Amino acid sequence: MGFLDRFSKKDLLTEGIPGTAVVQSRRRADSSEADTVLTRSARRDIDLEVTIEGRDPYPVRDTFKVPKPYWAIAKGVSLPVRVNPEKPDHVLIDWDAFEAAGGKQTVEQLGDQYRRDATAEFQAKRMSEDPAARQAELNTVNGWLGAVKAGVMTVPDFNGYVDEKVAGGFLTAEEGDAAKAQAAGPKE
């Protein structure tokens, strides 16, 4: 009789081998599933790199029930886990232990990295394929530059807006740096 035949997932919390797992990727498990205000948890496909004592790190890909505060869990986050000793690919994430270790703050600080990455990728592709969209973004930045020169926008505000355009994939890093250099004015 296998370990999971004798124990429920709840039992893994006390009987499983403790370890850590680093998130490699996360995505919604079922595209038809809506994440709503009333939903307390949702299924997410998560790729993990699991480490338990006495064994090299190994990958695990599974669908996990993720509490709402952690829906946007980001790549690189380390999670406490319990592992089935007979079937090491059967992993249970200990969300209570993660929360006790400041999990909500970790997720809030990182924000939704996957959405940002996907948006930036999409925008960068759009900007490279659509010259009119690229020119519109450059015109916006030039308008902001005019506001800086007129004294109605501060250089730090301008730099923040430009950083957002770069992070969103609307400008290249080089374009952002050049715009910030223009806003800073000539070096004395």
C-alpha atoms as a PDB file:
ATOM      1  CA  MET A   1       0.000   0.000   0.000  1.00  0.00           C
ATOM      2  CA  GLY A   2       1.504   3.362  -1.047  1.00  0.00           C
ATOM      3  CA  PHE A   3       1.932   6.366   1.171  1.00  0.00           C
ATOM      4  CA  LEU A   4      -0.915   8.307  -0.408  1.00  0.00           C
ATOM      5  CA  ASP A   5      -3.193   5.294  -0.085  1.00  0.00           C
ATOM      6  CA  ARG A   6      -2.729   5.427   3.708  1.00  0.00           C
ATOM      7  CA  PHE A   7      -2.638   9.173   4.236  1.00  0.00           C
ATOM      8  CA  SER A   8      -4.639  12.143   3.087  1.00  0.00           C
ATOM      9  CA  LYS A   9      -3.001  15.339   1.885  1.00  0.00           C
ATOM     10  CA  LYS A  10      -3.606  16.701   5.367  1.00  0.00           C
ATOM     11  CA  ASP A  11      -1.488  13.868   6.752  1.00  0.00           C
ATOM     12  CA  LEU A  12       1.364  14.940   4.483  1.00  0.00           C
ATOM     13  CA  LEU A  13       1.654  18.080   6.620  1.00  0.00           C
ATOM     14  CA  THR A  14       2.688  15.958   9.592  1.00  0.00           C
ATOM     15  CA  GLU A  15       4.055  12.774   7.987  1.00  0.00           C
ATOM     16  CA  GLY A  16       5.694  14.120   4.825  1.00  0.00           C
ATOM     17  CA  ILE A  17       9.359  14.965   4.483  1.00  0.00           C
ATOM     18  CA  PRO A  18       9.866  18.714   4.991  1.00  0.00           C
ATOM     19  CA  GLY A  19      11.567  20.591   2.209  1.00  0.00           C
ATOM     20  CA  THR A  20      11.538  23.738   0.146  1.00  0.00           C
ATOM     21  CA  ALA A  21      10.425  24.369  -3.398  1.00  0.00           C
ATOM     22  CA  VAL A  22      11.361  27.316  -5.577  1.00  0.00           C
ATOM     23  CA  VAL A  23       8.687  28.443  -8.037  1.00  0.00           C
ATOM     24  CA  GLN A  24       9.909  28.158 -11.631  1.00  0.00           C
ATOM     25  CA  SER A  25       6.633  29.144 -13.320  1.00  0.00           C
ATOM     26  CA  ARG A  26       2.941  29.524 -12.568  1.00  0.00           C
ATOM     27  CA  ARG A  27      -0.147  29.643 -14.769  1.00  0.00           C
ATOM     28  CA  ARG A  28      -3.885  29.176 -14.397  1.00  0.00           C
ATOM     29  CA  ALA A  29      -4.745  25.480 -14.506  1.00  0.00           C
ATOM     30  CA  ASP A  30      -8.027  25.842 -16.355  1.00  0.00           C
ATOM     31  CA  SER A  31      -8.618  28.773 -18.659  1.00  0.00           C
ATOM     32  CA  SER A  32     -12.381  28.459 -18.142  1.00  0.00           C
ATOM     33  CA  GLU A  33     -12.018  28.959 -14.399  1.00  0.00           C
ATOM     34  CA  ALA A  34     -12.783  32.527 -13.354  1.00  0.00           C
ATOM     35  CA  ASP A  35     -10.898  34.115 -10.479  1.00  0.00           C
ATOM     36  CA  THR A  36     -13.542  36.084  -8.639  1.00  0.00           C
ATOM     37  CA  VAL A  37     -13.758  38.111  -5.481  1.00  0.00           C
ATOM     38  CA  LEU A  38     -15.748  35.334  -3.815  1.00  0.00           C
ATOM     39  CA  THR A  39     -13.325  32.555  -4.732  1.00  0.00           C
ATOM     40  CA  ARG A  40     -11.054  31.596  -1.837  1.00  0.00           C
ATOM     41  CA  SER A  41      -8.653  29.476  -3.847  1.00  0.00           C
ATOM     42  CA  ALA A  42      -7.951  28.542  -7.437  1.00  0.00           C
ATOM     43  CA  ARG A  43      -6.072  25.822  -9.248  1.00  0.00           C
ATOM     44  CA  ARG A  44      -2.676  26.801 -10.656  1.00  0.00           C
ATOM     45  CA  ASP A  45      -0.183  24.748 -12.626  1.00  0.00           C
ATOM     46  CA  ILE A  46       3.117  25.376 -10.871  1.00  0.00           C
ATOM     47  CA  ASP A  47       6.572  24.189 -11.848  1.00  0.00           C
ATOM     48  CA  LEU A  48       8.770  23.770  -8.770  1.00  0.00           C
ATOM     49  CA  GLU A  49      12.354  22.899  -8.035  1.00  0.00           C
ATOM     50  CA  VAL A  50      12.070  20.796  -4.879  1.00  0.00           C
ATOM     51  CA  THR A  51      14.859  20.309  -2.358  1.00  0.00           C
ATOM     52  CA  ILE A  52      14.727  17.794   0.482  1.00  0.00           C
ATOM     53  CA  GLU A  53      17.559  16.701   2.727  1.00  0.00           C
ATOM     54  CA  GLY A  54      19.824  14.068   1.215  1.00  0.00           C
ATOM     55  CA  ARG A  55      18.693  14.565  -2.366  1.00  0.00           C
ATOM     56  CA  ASP A  56      19.683  16.864  -5.228  1.00  0.00           C
ATOM     57  CA  PRO A  57      17.056  19.437  -6.239  1.00  0.00           C
ATOM     58  CA  TYR A  58      14.550  18.011  -8.705  1.00  0.00           C
ATOM     59  CA  PRO A  59      11.670  19.388 -10.783  1.00  0.00           C
ATOM     60  CA  VAL A  60       7.999  18.827  -9.994  1.00  0.00           C
ATOM     61  CA  ARG A  61       5.145  20.033 -12.200  1.00  0.00           C
ATOM     62  CA  ASP A  62       1.697  19.746 -10.696  1.00  0.00           C
ATOM     63  CA  THR A  63      -1.626  21.478 -10.255  1.00  0.00           C
ATOM     64  CA  PHE A  64      -2.002  23.003  -6.809  1.00  0.00           C
ATOM     65  CA  LYS A  65      -4.924  24.587  -5.011  1.00  0.00           C
ATOM     66  CA  VAL A  66      -3.608  28.094  -4.317  1.00  0.00           C
ATOM     67  CA  PRO A  67      -5.204  30.429  -1.744  1.00  0.00           C
ATOM     68  CA  LYS A  68      -6.363  33.763  -3.163  1.00  0.00           C
ATOM     69  CA  PRO A  69      -3.614  35.901  -1.558  1.00  0.00           C
ATOM     70  CA  TYR A  70      -1.028  33.845  -3.490  1.00  0.00           C
ATOM     71  CA  TRP A  71      -2.599  33.655  -6.957  1.00  0.00           C
ATOM     72  CA  ALA A  72       0.166  35.904  -8.287  1.00  0.00           C
ATOM     73  CA  ILE A  73       3.014  33.867  -6.761  1.00  0.00           C
ATOM     74  CA  ALA A  74       6.157  34.778  -8.666  1.00  0.00           C
ATOM     75  CA  LYS A  75       9.111  32.908 -10.081  1.00  0.00           C
ATOM     76  CA  GLY A  76      11.923  32.537  -7.565  1.00  0.00           C
ATOM     77  CA  VAL A  77       9.728  32.462  -4.467  1.00  0.00           C
ATOM     78  CA  SER A  78      10.709  29.719  -2.013  1.00  0.00           C
ATOM     79  CA  LEU A  79       7.814  27.748  -0.539  1.00  0.00           C
ATOM     80  CA  PRO A  80       7.767  25.303   2.370  1.00  0.00           C
ATOM     81  CA  VAL A  81       6.621  21.869   1.195  1.00  0.00           C
ATOM     82  CA  ARG A  82       5.997  18.356   2.448  1.00  0.00           C
ATOM     83  CA  VAL A  83       7.007  15.460   0.211  1.00  0.00           C
ATOM     84  CA  ASN A  84       5.679  11.912   0.047  1.00  0.00           C
ATOM     85  CA  PRO A  85       8.711   9.746   0.990  1.00  0.00           C
ATOM     86  CA  GLU A  86       7.621   6.950  -1.372  1.00  0.00           C
ATOM     87  CA  LYS A  87       6.637   9.209  -4.271  1.00  0.00           C
ATOM     88  CA  PRO A  88       8.834  12.331  -4.208  1.00  0.00           C
ATOM     89  CA  ASP A  89       6.891  13.934  -7.054  1.00  0.00           C
ATOM     90  CA  HIS A  90       3.845  14.085  -4.755  1.00  0.00           C
ATOM     91  CA  VAL A  91       4.328  17.441  -3.061  1.00  0.00           C
ATOM     92  CA  LEU A  92       2.082  19.476  -0.797  1.00  0.00           C
ATOM     93  CA  ILE A  93       2.711  23.212  -0.428  1.00  0.00           C
ATOM     94  CA  ASP A  94       2.344  24.322   3.198  1.00  0.00           C
ATOM     95  CA  TRP A  95       0.507  27.614   2.630  1.00  0.00           C
ATOM     96  CA  ASP A  96       0.033  28.172   6.386  1.00  0.00           C
ATOM     97  CA  ALA A  97       3.799  28.002   6.966  1.00  0.00           C
ATOM     98  CA  PHE A  98       4.370  30.292   3.973  1.00  0.00           C
ATOM     99  CA  GLU A  99       1.941  32.828   5.423  1.00  0.00           C
ATOM    100  CA  ALA A 100       3.561  32.591   8.860  1.00  0.00           C
ATOM    101  CA  ALA A 101       6.920  33.361   7.219  1.00  0.00           C
ATOM    102  CA  GLY A 102       5.568  36.564   5.628  1.00  0.00           C
ATOM    103  CA  GLY A 103       4.214  35.096   2.400  1.00  0.00           C
ATOM    104  CA  LYS A 104       1.618  37.810   1.801  1.00  0.00           C
ATOM    105  CA  GLN A 105       4.257  40.521   1.984  1.00  0.00           C
ATOM    106  CA  THR A 106       6.549  38.574  -0.350  1.00  0.00           C
ATOM    107  CA  VAL A 107       3.829  38.218  -2.978  1.00  0.00           C
ATOM    108  CA  GLU A 108       2.697  41.850  -2.611  1.00  0.00           C
ATOM    109  CA  GLN A 109       6.272  43.126  -3.021  1.00  0.00           C
ATOM    110  CA  LEU A 110       6.824  41.131  -6.195  1.00  0.00           C
ATOM    111  CA  GLY A 111       3.438  41.885  -7.704  1.00  0.00           C
ATOM    112  CA  ASP A 112       2.202  39.864 -10.641  1.00  0.00           C
ATOM    113  CA  GLN A 113       5.523  39.264 -12.370  1.00  0.00           C
ATOM    114  CA  TYR A 114       4.012  36.932 -14.972  1.00  0.00           C
ATOM    115  CA  ARG A 115       1.432  39.451 -16.118  1.00  0.00           C
ATOM    116  CA  ARG A 116       4.121  42.165 -16.327  1.00  0.00           C
ATOM    117  CA  ASP A 117       6.434  39.873 -18.295  1.00  0.00           C
ATOM    118  CA  ALA A 118       3.680  38.815 -20.707  1.00  0.00           C
ATOM    119  CA  THR A 119       2.527  42.417 -21.171  1.00  0.00           C
ATOM    120  CA  ALA A 120       6.075  43.652 -21.793  1.00  0.00           C
ATOM    121  CA  GLU A 121       6.684  40.846 -24.298  1.00  0.00           C
ATOM    122  CA  PHE A 122       3.435  41.609 -26.131  1.00  0.00           C
ATOM    123  CA  GLN A 123       4.103  45.359 -26.195  1.00  0.00           C
ATOM    124  CA  ALA A 124       7.698  44.928 -27.368  1.00  0.00           C
ATOM    125  CA  LYS A 125       6.474  42.763 -30.264  1.00  0.00           C
ATOM    126  CA  ARG A 126       3.718  45.259 -31.065  1.00  0.00           C
ATOM    127  CA  MET A 127       6.138  48.190 -30.952  1.00  0.00           C
ATOM    128  CA  SER A 128       8.589  46.429 -33.269  1.00  0.00           C
ATOM    129  CA  GLU A 129       5.865  45.524 -35.789  1.00  0.00           C
ATOM    130  CA  ASP A 130       3.810  48.731 -35.741  1.00  0.00           C
ATOM    131  CA  PRO A 131       5.752  51.891 -36.633  1.00  0.00           C
ATOM    132  CA  ALA A 132       2.729  54.126 -35.935  1.00  0.00           C
ATOM    133  CA  ALA A 133       2.388  52.715 -32.390  1.00  0.00           C
ATOM    134  CA  ARG A 134       6.130  53.187 -31.819  1.00  0.00           C
ATOM    135  CA  GLN A 135       5.917  56.802 -33.021  1.00  0.00           C
ATOM    136  CA  ALA A 136       2.895  57.465 -30.781  1.00  0.00           C
ATOM    137  CA  GLU A 137       4.892  56.312 -27.741  1.00  0.00           C
ATOM    138  CA  LEU A 138       7.873  58.447 -28.720  1.00  0.00           C
ATOM    139  CA  ASN A 139       5.536  61.435 -29.203  1.00  0.00           C
ATOM    140  CA  THR A 140       4.143  60.889 -25.704  1.00  0.00           C
ATOM    141  CA  VAL A 141       7.641  60.888 -24.224  1.00  0.00           C
ATOM    142  CA  ASN A 142       8.520  64.036 -26.213  1.00  0.00           C
ATOM    143  CA  GLY A 143       5.398  65.699 -24.805  1.00  0.00           C
ATOM    144  CA  TRP A 144       6.528  64.820 -21.295  1.00  0.00           C
ATOM    145  CA  LEU A 145       9.964  66.195 -22.129  1.00  0.00           C
ATOM    146  CA  GLY A 146       8.313  69.476 -23.113  1.00  0.00           C
ATOM    147  CA  ALA A 147       6.491  69.482 -19.757  1.00  0.00           C
ATOM    148  CA  VAL A 148       9.826  69.022 -17.949  1.00  0.00           C
ATOM    149  CA  LYS A 149      11.418  71.883 -19.918  1.00  0.00           C
ATOM    150  CA  ALA A 150       8.370  74.091 -19.157  1.00  0.00           C
ATOM    151  CA  GLY A 151       8.677  73.287 -15.443  1.00  0.00           C
ATOM    152  CA  VAL A 152       5.274  71.582 -15.100  1.00  0.00           C
ATOM    153  CA  MET A 153       6.740  68.095 -14.608  1.00  0.00           C
ATOM    154  CA  THR A 154       9.683  67.181 -12.402  1.00  0.00           C
ATOM    155  CA  VAL A 155      12.614  65.170 -13.716  1.00  0.00           C
ATOM    156  CA  PRO A 156      12.011  62.390 -11.115  1.00  0.00           C
ATOM    157  CA  ASP A 157       8.362  62.129 -12.248  1.00  0.00           C
ATOM    158  CA  PHE A 158       9.476  62.049 -15.882  1.00  0.00           C
ATOM    159  CA  ASN A 159      12.023  59.335 -15.126  1.00  0.00           C
ATOM    160  CA  GLY A 160       9.346  57.285 -13.337  1.00  0.00           C
ATOM    161  CA  TYR A 161       6.979  57.525 -16.307  1.00  0.00           C
ATOM    162  CA  VAL A 162       9.754  56.587 -18.715  1.00  0.00           C
ATOM    163  CA  ASP A 163      10.710  53.598 -16.516  1.00  0.00           C
ATOM    164  CA  GLU A 164       7.078  52.435 -16.685  1.00  0.00           C
ATOM    165  CA  LYS A 165       7.146  52.696 -20.495  1.00  0.00           C
ATOM    166  CA  VAL A 166      10.352  50.639 -20.610  1.00  0.00           C
ATOM    167  CA  ALA A 167       9.006  48.044 -18.137  1.00  0.00           C
ATOM    168  CA  GLY A 168       5.798  47.793 -20.159  1.00  0.00           C
ATOM    169  CA  GLY A 169       7.667  47.166 -23.400  1.00  0.00           C
ATOM    170  CA  PHE A 170       6.601  50.468 -24.993  1.00  0.00           C
ATOM    171  CA  LEU A 171      10.188  51.753 -25.169  1.00  0.00           C
ATOM    172  CA  THR A 172      13.538  50.030 -25.373  1.00  0.00           C
ATOM    173  CA  ALA A 173      15.965  50.512 -22.490  1.00  0.00           C
ATOM    174  CA  GLU A 174      18.165  52.582 -24.810  1.00  0.00           C
ATOM    175  CA  GLU A 175      15.260  54.869 -25.737  1.00  0.00           C
ATOM    176  CA  GLY A 176      14.408  55.269 -22.052  1.00  0.00           C
ATOM    177  CA  ASP A 177      17.997  56.132 -21.136  1.00  0.00           C
ATOM    178  CA  ALA A 178      18.235  58.658 -23.973  1.00  0.00           C
ATOM    179  CA  ALA A 179      14.987  60.334 -22.913  1.00  0.00           C
ATOM    180  CA  LYS A 180      16.134  60.549 -19.291  1.00  0.00           C
ATOM    181  CA  ALA A 181      19.438  62.059 -20.389  1.00  0.00           C
ATOM    182  CA  GLN A 182      17.522  64.731 -22.348  1.00  0.00           C
ATOM    183  CA  ALA A 183      15.355  65.502 -19.313  1.00  0.00           C
ATOM    184  CA  ALA A 184      18.414  65.847 -17.093  1.00  0.00           C
ATOM    185  CA  GLY A 185      19.762  68.554 -19.380  1.00  0.00           C
ATOM    186  CA  PRO A 186      23.354  69.259 -20.242  1.00  0.00           C
ATOM    187  CA  LYS A 187      26.033  68.137 -17.809  1.00  0.00           C
ATOM    188  CA  GLU A 188      27.984  70.973 -16.299  1.00  0.00           C
END
